[in-house]
Amino acid sequence: MKKALLLLHLLALSLLFAESWTVLVYMAADNNLAYNGRLNINEMESATQPAGLNLIVQADFPDEGAKRYRIRQDQNPNQITSPVLQNLGIIDSGDPQSLKDFILWGRNRYPADNYMLVIWAHGDSWYKSKWIAPDYDSGSVIGVANGELRQALMGTGLWDILLFDACSMQSIEVITEVADFASFIVGSADLVPATGFPYAEIIPLLAQSPPQVAALIP
């Protein structure tokens, strides 16, 4: 009996001190990654979400425009069932202002103890074209070397984790551009598979502190 009461007490304490997170995912998929973007949203929906998690996705798809979703768990791998918070219509996801607008809206609407930003897109780091988030309809990209990415993040607050789900973004040059805005920066120095980061594994981690989450992201 005493052991059961102790376990209940520990469980109550763990819930009381659980971390709350807002995770904003900027999915620039108005390009040839659209199919993979939909797969990733379905993968997010399949994951078990910790209490206190706000998982918000802005997804821009060809011929469909952009929508903002609050991700809810389901087991339908073929359909996005999460509620649509806003239907933005046609936007330019290669415009740094589109990224900034989403960030400011998300942080204002979903305050939390901890914040994570995921920029999901094609990336080209510092090696050739030096951009991220191409929008094929507009022909725009968010420049990295010209300061557009930095400008998009400026004034949006400190991020506990900034995750680049995009190729080749984990370089010293990119990190230098964004180091002022995040405590932990996660990405790949090489190619990221078209399937993206493993969100079904990452999302359940978000009951922990930022250093623990950053260390455990596969």
Protein backbone atom coordinates (compact mmCIF):
# COMPACT_ATOMS: atom_id res chain seq x y z
CA MET A 1 0.00 0.00 0.00
CA LYS A 2 2.79 2.40 0.94
CA LYS A 3 4.62 1.54 -2.28
CA ALA A 4 1.48 2.25 -4.34
CA LEU A 5 0.99 5.61 -2.61
CA LEU A 6 4.62 6.50 -3.22
CA LEU A 7 4.28 5.67 -6.92
CA LEU A 8 1.15 7.82 -7.18
CA HIS A 9 2.96 10.65 -5.43
CA LEU A 10 5.89 10.42 -7.82
CA LEU A 11 3.53 10.33 -10.80
CA ALA A 12 1.74 13.44 -9.56
CA LEU A 13 5.06 15.24 -9.14
CA SER A 14 6.18 14.24 -12.63
CA LEU A 15 2.98 15.69 -14.09
CA LEU A 16 3.27 18.83 -11.98
CA PHE A 17 6.79 19.55 -13.20
CA ALA A 18 6.43 18.23 -16.76
CA GLU A 19 7.89 20.47 -19.39
CA SER A 20 5.44 22.31 -21.64
CA TRP A 21 6.51 22.78 -25.25
CA THR A 22 5.39 24.67 -28.30
CA VAL A 23 6.85 23.21 -31.48
CA LEU A 24 6.37 25.21 -34.68
CA VAL A 25 7.03 23.41 -37.97
CA TYR A 26 7.48 25.63 -41.05
CA MET A 27 6.92 23.19 -43.90
CA ALA A 28 7.98 24.81 -47.18
CA ALA A 29 6.68 22.06 -49.47
CA ASP A 30 5.51 24.09 -52.48
CA ASN A 31 8.02 22.10 -54.52
CA ASN A 32 8.87 18.48 -55.31
CA LEU A 33 8.83 17.55 -51.60
CA ALA A 34 5.05 17.88 -51.31
CA TYR A 35 4.43 14.11 -51.17
CA ASN A 36 7.02 13.71 -48.42
CA GLY A 37 5.56 16.64 -46.52
CA ARG A 38 2.15 14.97 -46.35
CA LEU A 39 3.81 11.74 -45.22
CA ASN A 40 5.61 13.61 -42.45
CA ILE A 41 2.41 15.24 -41.19
CA ASN A 42 0.78 11.81 -41.07
CA GLU A 43 3.81 10.53 -39.18
CA MET A 44 3.44 13.37 -36.67
CA GLU A 45 -0.22 12.40 -36.25
CA SER A 46 0.77 8.81 -35.51
CA ALA A 47 3.07 9.78 -32.62
CA THR A 48 2.13 9.72 -28.96
CA GLN A 49 2.13 13.33 -27.73
CA PRO A 50 3.20 14.19 -24.19
CA ALA A 51 0.93 16.35 -22.07
CA GLY A 52 1.60 20.06 -22.48
CA LEU A 53 2.71 19.88 -26.12
CA ASN A 54 1.46 22.33 -28.75
CA LEU A 55 2.50 20.88 -32.13
CA ILE A 56 1.70 23.40 -34.85
CA VAL A 57 2.48 22.97 -38.57
CA GLN A 58 2.25 25.53 -41.34
CA ALA A 59 2.35 23.53 -44.57
CA ASP A 60 2.50 25.09 -48.03
CA PHE A 61 1.71 22.67 -50.88
CA PRO A 62 1.53 23.16 -54.67
CA ASP A 63 -1.90 24.20 -56.03
CA GLU A 64 -3.31 23.99 -52.50
CA GLY A 65 -1.85 26.95 -50.69
CA ALA A 66 -0.85 27.02 -47.04
CA LYS A 67 -2.71 25.80 -43.98
CA ARG A 68 -1.94 25.90 -40.29
CA TYR A 69 -2.68 22.67 -38.41
CA ARG A 70 -2.71 21.76 -34.75
CA ILE A 71 -1.48 18.18 -34.89
CA ARG A 72 -3.73 15.65 -33.16
CA GLN A 73 -3.00 11.98 -32.83
CA ASP A 74 -4.73 9.52 -35.15
CA GLN A 75 -3.95 6.20 -36.79
CA ASN A 76 -4.88 7.05 -40.37
CA PRO A 77 -1.65 6.89 -42.43
CA ASN A 78 -3.32 8.09 -45.63
CA GLN A 79 -5.12 11.24 -44.60
CA ILE A 80 -4.33 14.39 -42.62
CA THR A 81 -7.08 14.62 -40.01
CA SER A 82 -5.67 17.30 -37.68
CA PRO A 83 -7.84 20.42 -37.33
CA VAL A 84 -7.03 23.34 -39.61
CA LEU A 85 -6.47 26.47 -37.55
CA GLN A 86 -6.15 28.79 -40.54
CA ASN A 87 -6.35 28.48 -44.31
CA LEU A 88 -3.90 31.05 -45.65
CA GLY A 89 -4.43 30.46 -49.35
CA ILE A 90 -1.53 31.04 -51.73
CA ILE A 91 1.60 32.30 -49.97
CA ASP A 92 5.29 32.55 -50.84
CA SER A 93 7.05 30.17 -48.47
CA GLY A 94 10.37 31.28 -49.96
CA ASP A 95 9.81 34.77 -48.53
CA PRO A 96 11.51 35.29 -45.14
CA GLN A 97 8.54 37.37 -44.02
CA SER A 98 6.29 34.31 -44.36
CA LEU A 99 8.54 32.46 -41.92
CA LYS A 100 8.63 35.39 -39.50
CA ASP A 101 4.84 35.84 -39.64
CA PHE A 102 4.26 32.18 -38.77
CA ILE A 103 6.76 32.28 -35.91
CA LEU A 104 5.33 35.43 -34.33
CA TRP A 105 1.77 34.16 -34.69
CA GLY A 106 2.64 30.75 -33.20
CA ARG A 107 4.60 32.03 -30.22
CA ASN A 108 1.94 34.60 -29.39
CA ARG A 109 -0.92 32.12 -29.62
CA TYR A 110 0.78 29.18 -27.88
CA PRO A 111 2.98 30.39 -24.99
CA ALA A 112 5.01 27.62 -23.33
CA ASP A 113 7.99 26.95 -21.11
CA ASN A 114 10.07 25.75 -24.05
CA TYR A 115 10.07 26.47 -27.77
CA MET A 116 11.30 24.51 -30.76
CA LEU A 117 11.32 25.67 -34.37
CA VAL A 118 11.56 23.18 -37.23
CA ILE A 119 12.34 24.54 -40.69
CA TRP A 120 11.30 21.74 -43.05
CA ALA A 121 12.39 22.31 -46.63
CA HIS A 122 15.03 21.85 -49.28
CA GLY A 123 18.32 23.36 -48.14
CA ASP A 124 21.60 24.25 -49.79
CA SER A 125 23.60 25.61 -46.85
CA TRP A 126 26.75 27.54 -47.77
CA TYR A 127 28.19 25.42 -50.54
CA LYS A 128 26.47 26.47 -53.74
CA SER A 129 23.36 28.62 -53.80
CA LYS A 130 23.21 29.30 -50.04
CA TRP A 131 19.47 29.12 -49.49
CA ILE A 132 16.65 27.25 -47.78
CA ALA A 133 12.89 26.84 -48.39
CA PRO A 134 12.45 27.20 -52.17
CA ASP A 135 8.92 27.92 -53.38
CA TYR A 136 8.63 26.61 -56.93
CA ASP A 137 5.49 28.62 -57.73
CA SER A 138 7.06 31.98 -56.86
CA GLY A 139 10.66 31.07 -57.63
CA SER A 140 11.70 32.51 -54.26
CA VAL A 141 14.10 31.13 -51.66
CA ILE A 142 15.10 32.28 -48.20
CA GLY A 143 18.72 33.31 -48.55
CA VAL A 144 21.22 32.26 -45.90
CA ALA A 145 24.44 34.05 -46.82
CA ASN A 146 22.60 37.30 -47.64
CA GLY A 147 21.08 37.48 -44.16
CA GLU A 148 17.44 36.67 -45.02
CA LEU A 149 17.27 33.67 -42.70
CA ARG A 150 18.82 35.68 -39.89
CA GLN A 151 16.37 38.51 -40.52
CA ALA A 152 13.43 36.10 -40.39
CA LEU A 153 14.52 34.89 -36.94
CA MET A 154 15.39 38.30 -35.57
CA GLY A 155 12.91 39.54 -32.99
CA THR A 156 11.18 36.17 -32.59
CA GLY A 157 12.65 35.34 -29.19
CA LEU A 158 15.12 32.69 -28.09
CA TRP A 159 14.49 29.15 -29.28
CA ASP A 160 15.44 26.25 -27.05
CA ILE A 161 15.93 24.09 -30.16
CA LEU A 162 16.19 25.04 -33.81
CA LEU A 163 15.97 21.99 -36.05
CA PHE A 164 16.74 22.15 -39.77
CA ASP A 165 14.92 19.31 -41.52
CA ALA A 166 16.76 20.25 -44.70
CA CYS A 167 19.94 19.13 -46.40
CA SER A 168 23.40 20.48 -45.57
CA MET A 169 22.35 23.08 -42.99
CA GLN A 170 24.64 21.95 -40.17
CA SER A 171 27.70 23.94 -41.21
CA ILE A 172 29.76 26.41 -39.21
CA GLU A 173 28.69 29.21 -41.54
CA VAL A 174 24.96 28.55 -41.04
CA ILE A 175 25.37 28.10 -37.29
CA THR A 176 27.21 31.42 -37.13
CA GLU A 177 24.23 33.07 -38.84
CA VAL A 178 21.64 31.70 -36.39
CA ALA A 179 23.60 31.07 -33.17
CA ASP A 180 22.11 34.13 -31.45
CA PHE A 181 18.60 32.73 -31.73
CA ALA A 182 18.81 29.18 -30.35
CA SER A 183 20.35 27.33 -27.43
CA PHE A 184 20.64 24.11 -29.46
CA ILE A 185 20.84 23.76 -33.24
CA VAL A 186 20.15 20.35 -34.81
CA GLY A 187 20.64 19.46 -38.44
CA SER A 188 22.70 17.50 -40.92
CA ALA A 189 25.98 18.44 -42.55
CA ASP A 190 25.06 16.13 -45.43
CA LEU A 191 21.86 15.05 -47.15
CA VAL A 192 18.68 14.49 -45.17
CA PRO A 193 16.57 11.57 -46.47
CA ALA A 194 13.45 12.60 -48.37
CA THR A 195 11.47 10.99 -45.54
CA GLY A 196 12.82 13.69 -43.20
CA PHE A 197 13.59 13.43 -39.51
CA PRO A 198 11.87 10.60 -37.54
CA TYR A 199 9.01 12.56 -35.96
CA ALA A 200 7.38 9.46 -34.48
CA GLU A 201 10.53 9.13 -32.35
CA ILE A 202 11.10 12.83 -31.67
CA ILE A 203 7.62 13.86 -30.53
CA PRO A 204 7.42 11.53 -27.50
CA LEU A 205 10.71 13.03 -26.26
CA LEU A 206 9.04 16.39 -25.72
CA ALA A 207 8.20 15.77 -22.08
CA GLN A 208 11.82 16.44 -21.17
CA SER A 209 14.11 19.43 -20.83
CA PRO A 210 15.68 21.07 -23.92
CA PRO A 211 19.18 19.63 -23.34
CA GLN A 212 17.73 16.14 -22.99
CA VAL A 213 15.57 16.48 -26.11
CA ALA A 214 18.42 17.91 -28.20
CA ALA A 215 20.73 15.09 -27.13
CA LEU A 216 18.18 12.39 -27.95
CA ILE A 217 16.99 13.55 -31.38
CA PRO A 218 18.00 10.71 -33.74
